[in-house]
C-alpha cells in the first residue's frame, strides 16, 4: 500500500512537472513572438513579420494541451489547496500567454501594413522603448512563476503603470501628429493600434503576476491595481480643442 502511494505521488509530481514545462515553453515562445514583432516593426521587415505571424499557432496548440492536461489532472487526482492552485495557475497563465501571442501577431501585422510608410524616428523610438519594457515585464513575471517568487511578481505588478504612462505619452504624440497633417492618419492609426497591443501585453503580464502571488500565498493582492491609461480623456480633450 505504501509503495502504491509513493507511486501515486511520484506520478502526480511528474504530471505537474510536465505542466510547468509546457508553461515555460509557451512563455518562451510568447517572448520570441513579441521580440520578433517589435523587431519587424522597427526594421520594417515584412518577411520577419510574416514568419512571426505563423509562429503564433504553436502557442495556441500548447494552450490546448495545457487545458486538456489540467482537466484530466483535476478529474483524476482531485487535488486540494496548494496542489489545486498549481494546476489552476497553469490554466490561467496559459490563457494570458495565448493572448500575448495574439497581441504579438497583431503587432507583426501592423509591421506589414506600414512597411512602405515613412516612420517618424521619435515616435518609433517611443514605441520601441515601450515594447522593450513590456518584454522585460513578461520575462520577469515568467521567472517569478518558475521560481514561485511572489515578491518578484509583485514588482512586475506595480510596474504596469510605467507602461501605461509611456502609452499615454505616445498616444498624445500620435494624436498631435495626425492633427497637424491628415496624410499621417493612416500610419499613425496603425502605430496607435500597435501601441495599444503593447499596453495590453503589460496588462496580461500583470494578470500573471496576480496569479503567481495567489499561487504562493493562497490569497489575492489586496492593493488597488495600478492603472494609468488616460487616453480616453486625452482623445476627448484633444478633439474638443481642435473643434474651436
Protein backbone atom coordinates (compact mmCIF):
# COMPACT_ATOMS: atom_id res chain seq x y z
CA UNK A 1 0.00 0.00 0.00
CA UNK A 2 2.82 2.38 0.93
CA UNK A 3 4.59 1.57 -2.34
CA UNK A 4 1.39 2.36 -4.27
CA UNK A 5 1.07 5.73 -2.50
CA UNK A 6 4.66 6.58 -3.34
CA UNK A 7 3.99 5.71 -6.99
CA UNK A 8 0.86 7.91 -6.99
CA UNK A 9 2.76 10.88 -5.53
CA UNK A 10 5.64 10.41 -7.96
CA UNK A 11 3.24 10.14 -10.89
CA UNK A 12 1.43 13.33 -9.83
CA UNK A 13 4.73 15.20 -9.47
CA UNK A 14 5.74 14.07 -12.95
CA UNK A 15 2.43 15.33 -14.38
CA UNK A 16 2.86 18.65 -12.58
CA UNK A 17 6.42 18.95 -13.87
CA UNK A 18 5.20 18.34 -17.42
CA UNK A 19 2.55 21.04 -16.96
CA UNK A 20 5.14 23.54 -15.71
CA UNK A 21 7.48 22.67 -18.57
CA UNK A 22 4.72 23.40 -21.08
CA UNK A 23 4.09 26.78 -19.44
CA UNK A 24 7.83 27.53 -19.63
CA UNK A 25 7.90 26.56 -23.31
CA UNK A 26 4.78 28.58 -24.03
CA UNK A 27 6.29 31.58 -22.24
CA UNK A 28 9.49 31.29 -24.25
CA UNK A 29 7.51 31.23 -27.49
CA UNK A 30 5.44 34.25 -26.41
CA UNK A 31 8.66 36.14 -25.68
CA UNK A 32 10.03 35.15 -29.10
CA UNK A 33 6.88 36.22 -30.97
CA UNK A 34 6.82 39.55 -29.13
CA UNK A 35 10.52 40.25 -29.66
CA UNK A 36 10.32 39.42 -33.36
CA UNK A 37 7.20 41.53 -33.88
CA UNK A 38 8.91 44.55 -32.28
CA UNK A 39 11.99 43.97 -34.41
CA UNK A 40 9.90 43.61 -37.59
CA UNK A 41 8.13 46.90 -36.83
CA UNK A 42 11.38 48.70 -36.03
CA UNK A 43 13.23 47.39 -39.11
CA UNK A 44 10.18 47.43 -41.40
CA UNK A 45 10.88 43.78 -42.24
CA UNK A 46 7.84 42.12 -43.87
CA UNK A 47 9.50 38.69 -44.05
CA UNK A 48 10.24 38.62 -40.32
CA UNK A 49 6.70 39.85 -39.64
CA UNK A 50 5.22 37.06 -41.79
CA UNK A 51 7.30 34.40 -40.01
CA UNK A 52 6.23 35.79 -36.63
CA UNK A 53 2.55 35.65 -37.56
CA UNK A 54 2.92 31.96 -38.43
CA UNK A 55 4.63 31.07 -35.14
CA UNK A 56 1.59 32.00 -33.05
CA UNK A 57 -0.08 28.68 -33.90
CA UNK A 58 2.39 26.74 -31.74
CA UNK A 59 1.41 28.87 -28.75
CA UNK A 60 -2.27 28.12 -29.39
CA UNK A 61 -1.52 24.40 -29.59
CA UNK A 62 0.33 24.44 -26.27
CA UNK A 63 -2.58 26.19 -24.60
CA UNK A 64 -4.95 23.47 -25.80
CA UNK A 65 -2.59 20.79 -24.45
CA UNK A 66 -2.31 22.54 -21.07
CA UNK A 67 -6.09 22.87 -20.76
CA UNK A 68 -6.60 19.20 -21.59
CA UNK A 69 -3.92 18.01 -19.17
CA UNK A 70 -5.20 20.26 -16.38
CA UNK A 71 -8.76 18.95 -16.71
CA UNK A 72 -7.53 15.34 -16.65
CA UNK A 73 -5.35 16.00 -13.57
CA UNK A 74 -8.19 17.63 -11.65
CA UNK A 75 -10.61 14.81 -12.53
CA UNK A 76 -8.12 12.04 -11.74
CA UNK A 77 -6.25 13.46 -8.74
CA UNK A 78 -8.88 15.70 -7.13
CA UNK A 79 -6.14 17.97 -5.75
CA UNK A 80 -6.71 20.40 -2.88
CA UNK A 81 -5.13 23.59 -1.52
CA UNK A 82 -1.65 24.29 -2.97
CA UNK A 83 -1.81 21.36 -5.40
CA UNK A 84 -5.05 22.68 -6.88
CA UNK A 85 -3.66 26.22 -7.04
CA UNK A 86 -0.70 24.97 -9.08
CA UNK A 87 -2.98 23.47 -11.72
CA UNK A 88 -5.32 26.46 -11.79
CA UNK A 89 -2.33 28.82 -12.05
CA UNK A 90 -1.08 26.93 -15.10
CA UNK A 91 -4.53 27.23 -16.68
CA UNK A 92 -4.80 30.96 -16.05
CA UNK A 93 -1.24 31.72 -17.15
CA UNK A 94 -1.66 29.72 -20.36
CA UNK A 95 -4.70 31.87 -21.21
CA UNK A 96 -2.72 35.08 -20.68
CA UNK A 97 0.20 33.75 -22.72
CA UNK A 98 -2.13 32.79 -25.56
CA UNK A 99 -3.49 36.35 -25.60
CA UNK A 100 0.06 37.75 -25.54
CA UNK A 101 0.87 35.58 -28.56
CA UNK A 102 -2.17 37.01 -30.35
CA UNK A 103 -1.08 40.54 -29.49
CA UNK A 104 2.40 39.83 -30.83
CA UNK A 105 0.84 38.54 -34.04
CA UNK A 106 -1.26 41.71 -34.30
CA UNK A 107 1.84 43.89 -33.90
CA UNK A 108 3.54 41.90 -36.67
CA UNK A 109 0.53 42.56 -38.92
CA UNK A 110 0.90 46.29 -38.24
CA UNK A 111 4.57 45.98 -39.24
CA UNK A 112 3.49 44.59 -42.61
CA UNK A 113 0.92 47.37 -43.07
CA UNK A 114 3.40 50.23 -42.52
CA UNK A 115 6.41 48.77 -44.30
CA UNK A 116 6.28 51.36 -47.11
CA UNK A 117 5.44 54.33 -44.86
CA UNK A 118 7.92 56.96 -43.75
CA UNK A 119 8.08 56.46 -39.99
CA UNK A 120 8.96 59.39 -37.67
CA UNK A 121 12.07 58.46 -35.69
CA UNK A 122 10.89 59.98 -32.41
CA UNK A 123 7.60 58.10 -32.49
CA UNK A 124 9.27 54.82 -33.41
CA UNK A 125 11.78 55.28 -30.60
CA UNK A 126 8.95 55.69 -28.08
CA UNK A 127 7.23 52.59 -29.44
CA UNK A 128 10.50 50.64 -29.25
CA UNK A 129 11.08 51.61 -25.59
CA UNK A 130 7.52 50.66 -24.71
CA UNK A 131 7.98 47.27 -26.38
CA UNK A 132 11.25 46.64 -24.57
CA UNK A 133 9.64 47.40 -21.22
CA UNK A 134 6.68 45.09 -21.84
CA UNK A 135 9.01 42.30 -22.93
CA UNK A 136 11.13 42.79 -19.81
CA UNK A 137 7.99 42.62 -17.65
CA UNK A 138 6.94 39.38 -19.32
CA UNK A 139 10.36 37.78 -18.78
CA UNK A 140 10.41 38.82 -15.12
CA UNK A 141 6.94 37.50 -14.35
CA UNK A 142 7.63 34.17 -16.05
CA UNK A 143 10.80 33.82 -13.98
CA UNK A 144 8.69 34.63 -10.91
CA UNK A 145 6.34 31.77 -11.81
CA UNK A 146 9.14 29.26 -12.35
CA UNK A 147 10.81 30.26 -9.07
CA UNK A 148 7.49 30.69 -7.18
CA UNK A 149 8.75 34.17 -6.24
CA UNK A 150 5.78 36.26 -5.08
CA UNK A 151 7.86 39.38 -4.36
CA UNK A 152 9.26 39.43 -7.88
CA UNK A 153 5.74 39.00 -9.24
CA UNK A 154 4.58 41.91 -7.07
CA UNK A 155 7.34 44.13 -8.51
CA UNK A 156 6.06 43.39 -12.01
CA UNK A 157 2.52 44.15 -10.86
CA UNK A 158 3.49 47.61 -9.60
CA UNK A 159 5.50 48.45 -12.74
CA UNK A 160 2.49 48.15 -15.07
CA UNK A 161 1.86 51.86 -14.50
CA UNK A 162 5.16 52.64 -16.27
CA UNK A 163 3.89 51.02 -19.48
CA UNK A 164 0.59 52.90 -19.15
CA UNK A 165 2.47 56.18 -18.74
CA UNK A 166 4.53 55.53 -21.87
CA UNK A 167 1.37 54.62 -23.77
CA UNK A 168 -0.34 57.86 -22.69
CA UNK A 169 2.64 59.90 -23.87
CA UNK A 170 2.87 58.08 -27.20
CA UNK A 171 -0.89 58.36 -27.71
CA UNK A 172 -0.72 62.16 -27.34
CA UNK A 173 2.22 62.40 -29.74
CA UNK A 174 0.45 60.32 -32.39
CA UNK A 175 -2.75 62.29 -31.98
CA UNK A 176 -0.86 65.56 -32.44
CA UNK A 177 0.94 64.17 -35.48
CA UNK A 178 -2.39 63.25 -37.10
CA UNK A 179 -3.98 66.61 -36.33
CA UNK A 180 -1.03 68.50 -37.83
CA UNK A 181 -1.23 66.67 -41.16
CA UNK A 182 -4.15 64.41 -42.23
CA UNK A 183 -1.76 62.50 -44.50
CA UNK A 184 -0.29 60.96 -41.35
CA UNK A 185 -3.58 59.42 -40.25
CA UNK A 186 -3.05 56.03 -41.94
CA UNK A 187 0.41 55.45 -40.49
CA UNK A 188 -0.46 56.81 -37.05
CA UNK A 189 -3.59 54.68 -36.82
CA UNK A 190 -1.52 51.53 -37.32
CA UNK A 191 1.03 52.73 -34.76
CA UNK A 192 -1.76 53.55 -32.28
CA UNK A 193 -3.11 50.02 -32.57
CA UNK A 194 0.43 48.67 -32.22
CA UNK A 195 0.98 50.74 -29.07
CA UNK A 196 -2.34 49.59 -27.62
CA UNK A 197 -1.35 45.97 -28.25
CA UNK A 198 1.90 46.55 -26.35
CA UNK A 199 -0.02 48.16 -23.48
CA UNK A 200 -2.28 45.10 -23.37
CA UNK A 201 0.79 42.85 -23.11
CA UNK A 202 1.61 44.74 -19.92
CA UNK A 203 -1.91 44.06 -18.64
CA UNK A 204 -1.55 40.33 -19.24
CA UNK A 205 1.87 40.31 -17.53
CA UNK A 206 0.09 41.95 -14.57
CA UNK A 207 -2.55 39.20 -14.65
CA UNK A 208 0.20 36.59 -14.49
CA UNK A 209 1.79 38.43 -11.56
CA UNK A 210 -1.52 38.27 -9.67
CA UNK A 211 -1.76 34.55 -10.42
CA UNK A 212 1.78 33.89 -9.15
CA UNK A 213 1.11 35.84 -5.97
CA UNK A 214 -2.08 33.88 -5.31
CA UNK A 215 -0.32 30.60 -6.10
CA UNK A 216 2.36 31.26 -3.49
CA UNK A 217 0.29 32.87 -0.72
CA UNK A 218 -3.20 31.48 -1.29
CA UNK A 219 -4.69 34.98 -1.21
CA UNK A 220 -5.05 37.77 -3.79
CA UNK A 221 -3.09 41.03 -3.88
CA UNK A 222 -5.12 43.44 -1.77
CA UNK A 223 -3.73 46.74 -3.10
CA UNK A 224 -5.63 48.61 -5.79
CA UNK A 225 -4.46 47.55 -9.22
CA UNK A 226 -2.12 50.17 -10.75
CA UNK A 227 -3.64 51.67 -13.88
CA UNK A 228 -2.55 54.81 -15.68
CA UNK A 229 -4.22 54.67 -19.10
CA UNK A 230 -5.83 58.10 -19.55
CA UNK A 231 -6.14 58.04 -23.34
CA UNK A 232 -9.94 58.16 -23.41
CA UNK A 233 -9.98 61.58 -21.73
CA UNK A 234 -6.93 62.71 -23.74
CA UNK A 235 -8.67 61.94 -27.04
CA UNK A 236 -11.84 63.76 -25.95
CA UNK A 237 -9.91 66.85 -24.82
CA UNK A 238 -7.81 66.99 -27.99
CA UNK A 239 -10.77 66.60 -30.32
CA UNK A 240 -12.77 69.20 -28.38
CA UNK A 241 -9.89 71.67 -28.55
CA UNK A 242 -9.43 71.15 -32.30
CA UNK A 243 -13.10 71.94 -32.97
CA UNK A 244 -12.79 75.57 -31.79
